[in-house]
């Protein structure tokens, strides 16, 4: 995440308790945005490769992170993958 901030990224608002993150707009393509959110050992990285010209794609990215991050980063570590036997 330090690379985001060194390259001009901005901190994400607090989206999940105990989590922190940053997002960055690509300087060459203003519609391309990347974001990272960290909580404990969990890492969520999202990239909007081709946003819509004229929209605030950075705001869209933050809104998207607010929508999905609480569902994906609920614990301090990622959930284990179910084994083949558990899938039925």
Protein backbone atom coordinates (compact mmCIF):
# COMPACT_ATOMS: atom_id res chain seq x y z
CA UNK A 1 0.00 0.00 0.00
CA UNK A 2 2.94 2.32 0.57
CA UNK A 3 3.55 2.28 -3.19
CA UNK A 4 0.05 3.69 -3.76
CA UNK A 5 0.75 6.58 -1.41
CA UNK A 6 4.25 7.24 -2.79
CA UNK A 7 2.81 7.43 -6.31
CA UNK A 8 0.14 9.97 -5.36
CA UNK A 9 -2.57 7.65 -4.06
CA UNK A 10 -5.05 8.68 -1.41
CA UNK A 11 -6.13 6.90 1.74
CA UNK A 12 -9.49 5.16 1.67
CA UNK A 13 -11.97 6.20 4.33
CA UNK A 14 -12.50 3.61 7.07
CA UNK A 15 -14.61 0.96 5.37
CA UNK A 16 -14.20 -1.97 7.78
CA UNK A 17 -13.29 -1.58 11.45
CA UNK A 18 -9.56 -2.13 11.88
CA UNK A 19 -8.94 -1.98 8.14
CA UNK A 20 -6.96 0.53 6.14
CA UNK A 21 -6.44 1.14 2.46
CA UNK A 22 -5.62 3.42 -0.41
CA UNK A 23 -6.68 4.08 -4.00
CA UNK A 24 -4.97 5.62 -6.97
CA UNK A 25 -6.07 7.03 -10.31
CA UNK A 26 -3.80 6.12 -13.24
CA UNK A 27 -2.17 9.36 -14.38
CA UNK A 28 -2.25 8.24 -18.04
CA UNK A 29 -5.88 7.08 -18.05
CA UNK A 30 -8.09 9.09 -15.72
CA UNK A 31 -10.81 6.42 -15.95
CA UNK A 32 -8.54 3.67 -14.53
CA UNK A 33 -8.54 3.30 -10.73
CA UNK A 34 -6.96 0.75 -8.40
CA UNK A 35 -7.58 0.21 -4.69
CA UNK A 36 -6.25 -1.97 -1.88
CA UNK A 37 -7.83 -2.62 1.50
CA UNK A 38 -6.06 -4.51 4.30
CA UNK A 39 -7.50 -5.99 7.48
CA UNK A 40 -5.35 -8.35 9.51
CA UNK A 41 -4.01 -10.93 7.07
CA UNK A 42 -6.80 -10.27 4.54
CA UNK A 43 -6.06 -8.21 1.43
CA UNK A 44 -8.64 -6.97 -1.07
CA UNK A 45 -7.37 -5.48 -4.33
CA UNK A 46 -9.77 -4.08 -6.91
CA UNK A 47 -9.05 -2.42 -10.24
CA UNK A 48 -11.44 -0.53 -12.46
CA UNK A 49 -9.69 -0.97 -15.80
CA UNK A 50 -11.94 1.17 -17.99
CA UNK A 51 -14.27 3.55 -16.19
CA UNK A 52 -16.67 5.92 -17.86
CA UNK A 53 -15.30 9.25 -19.09
CA UNK A 54 -16.96 12.12 -17.24
CA UNK A 55 -17.77 10.07 -14.12
CA UNK A 56 -15.91 10.30 -10.84
CA UNK A 57 -14.38 6.84 -11.18
CA UNK A 58 -12.41 7.21 -7.94
CA UNK A 59 -15.67 7.84 -6.06
CA UNK A 60 -17.20 4.84 -7.84
CA UNK A 61 -14.27 2.69 -6.67
CA UNK A 62 -14.67 3.84 -3.06
CA UNK A 63 -18.41 3.13 -3.22
CA UNK A 64 -17.72 -0.33 -4.65
CA UNK A 65 -15.23 -1.07 -1.87
CA UNK A 66 -17.81 0.05 0.71
CA UNK A 67 -20.26 -2.41 -0.83
CA UNK A 68 -18.06 -5.52 -1.05
CA UNK A 69 -15.33 -5.17 1.59
CA UNK A 70 -17.52 -5.66 4.68
CA UNK A 71 -18.72 -8.97 3.20
CA UNK A 72 -15.25 -10.18 2.22
CA UNK A 73 -13.08 -8.95 5.09
CA UNK A 74 -15.25 -9.92 8.05
CA UNK A 75 -12.49 -11.70 10.02
CA UNK A 76 -8.81 -11.18 10.57
CA UNK A 77 -7.87 -13.81 7.99
CA UNK A 78 -9.39 -15.18 4.79
CA UNK A 79 -11.85 -18.04 5.12
CA UNK A 80 -10.42 -21.47 4.33
CA UNK A 81 -11.49 -23.01 1.04
CA UNK A 82 -13.96 -25.89 1.40
CA UNK A 83 -12.55 -29.31 0.64
CA UNK A 84 -13.98 -31.50 -2.12
CA UNK A 85 -15.72 -33.65 0.50
CA UNK A 86 -17.53 -30.63 1.98
CA UNK A 87 -18.82 -29.56 -1.45
CA UNK A 88 -20.90 -32.71 -1.60
